[in-house]
């Protein structure tokens, strides 16, 4: 049981780090007016998020259910 708790803690920490990096990417892209950020590679964060959301919405109800399930899993404590 201790191993599962450690894995859960690592997964939570990685998720939080990923969300922080995603937020930083969005802020840098907004501040740089969509141009290449001065301190990073050419990554278009907002367009990538739009593509993911479009992929979910293209699936109709199944996409909405998938988003709801992912959101529920993330918010479960």
Protein backbone atom coordinates (compact mmCIF):
# COMPACT_ATOMS: atom_id res chain seq x y z
CA UNK A 1 0.00 0.00 0.00
CA UNK A 2 2.92 2.30 0.69
CA UNK A 3 4.14 1.93 -2.90
CA UNK A 4 0.76 3.00 -4.26
CA UNK A 5 0.79 6.07 -2.02
CA UNK A 6 4.26 6.99 -3.31
CA UNK A 7 3.15 6.55 -6.93
CA UNK A 8 0.07 8.66 -6.24
CA UNK A 9 2.21 11.40 -4.67
CA UNK A 10 4.60 11.37 -7.65
CA UNK A 11 1.71 11.51 -10.12
CA UNK A 12 0.18 14.44 -8.26
CA UNK A 13 3.49 16.29 -8.17
CA UNK A 14 4.06 15.71 -11.89
CA UNK A 15 0.54 16.90 -12.69
CA UNK A 16 1.03 20.08 -10.67
CA UNK A 17 4.38 20.72 -12.38
CA UNK A 18 2.79 20.17 -15.80
CA UNK A 19 -0.03 22.59 -15.06
CA UNK A 20 2.50 25.17 -13.84
CA UNK A 21 4.56 24.82 -17.03
CA UNK A 22 1.43 25.04 -19.17
CA UNK A 23 0.36 28.21 -17.37
CA UNK A 24 3.83 29.70 -17.80
CA UNK A 25 3.74 28.90 -21.51
CA UNK A 26 0.38 30.62 -21.91
CA UNK A 27 1.53 33.72 -20.03
CA UNK A 28 4.77 33.95 -22.05
CA UNK A 29 2.86 33.57 -25.31
CA UNK A 30 0.39 36.31 -24.34
CA UNK A 31 3.17 38.66 -23.19
CA UNK A 32 5.17 38.11 -26.40
CA UNK A 33 2.11 38.61 -28.66
CA UNK A 34 2.37 35.10 -30.07
CA UNK A 35 5.98 35.60 -31.19
CA UNK A 36 8.80 33.30 -30.18
CA UNK A 37 9.48 33.69 -26.49
CA UNK A 38 12.94 35.09 -25.78
CA UNK A 39 13.86 32.32 -23.36
CA UNK A 40 12.34 29.21 -24.91
CA UNK A 41 11.77 27.19 -28.06
CA UNK A 42 9.08 27.91 -30.63
CA UNK A 43 6.16 26.20 -28.87
CA UNK A 44 2.67 27.47 -29.63
CA UNK A 45 0.93 26.61 -26.36
CA UNK A 46 -2.42 28.26 -27.07
CA UNK A 47 -2.75 26.62 -30.50
CA UNK A 48 -1.91 23.23 -28.96
CA UNK A 49 -4.65 23.67 -26.36
CA UNK A 50 -7.10 24.75 -29.07
CA UNK A 51 -6.27 21.60 -31.07
CA UNK A 52 -6.87 19.38 -28.05
CA UNK A 53 -10.21 21.04 -27.30
CA UNK A 54 -11.19 20.80 -30.98
CA UNK A 55 -10.35 17.09 -30.91
CA UNK A 56 -12.63 16.58 -27.92
CA UNK A 57 -15.45 18.62 -29.46
CA UNK A 58 -15.15 16.78 -32.78
CA UNK A 59 -16.14 13.62 -30.95
CA UNK A 60 -19.40 15.19 -29.76
CA UNK A 61 -20.89 13.70 -26.62
CA UNK A 62 -18.04 11.21 -26.23
CA UNK A 63 -15.54 14.09 -26.11
CA UNK A 64 -17.57 15.93 -23.48
CA UNK A 65 -17.79 12.80 -21.36
CA UNK A 66 -14.02 12.30 -21.71
CA UNK A 67 -13.35 15.87 -20.54
CA UNK A 68 -15.74 15.41 -17.62
CA UNK A 69 -14.04 12.14 -16.60
CA UNK A 70 -10.56 13.70 -16.77
CA UNK A 71 -11.73 16.71 -14.77
CA UNK A 72 -13.33 14.45 -12.14
CA UNK A 73 -10.19 12.37 -11.82
CA UNK A 74 -8.03 15.46 -11.44
CA UNK A 75 -10.26 17.03 -8.78
CA UNK A 76 -10.68 13.87 -6.71
CA UNK A 77 -8.71 14.11 -3.50
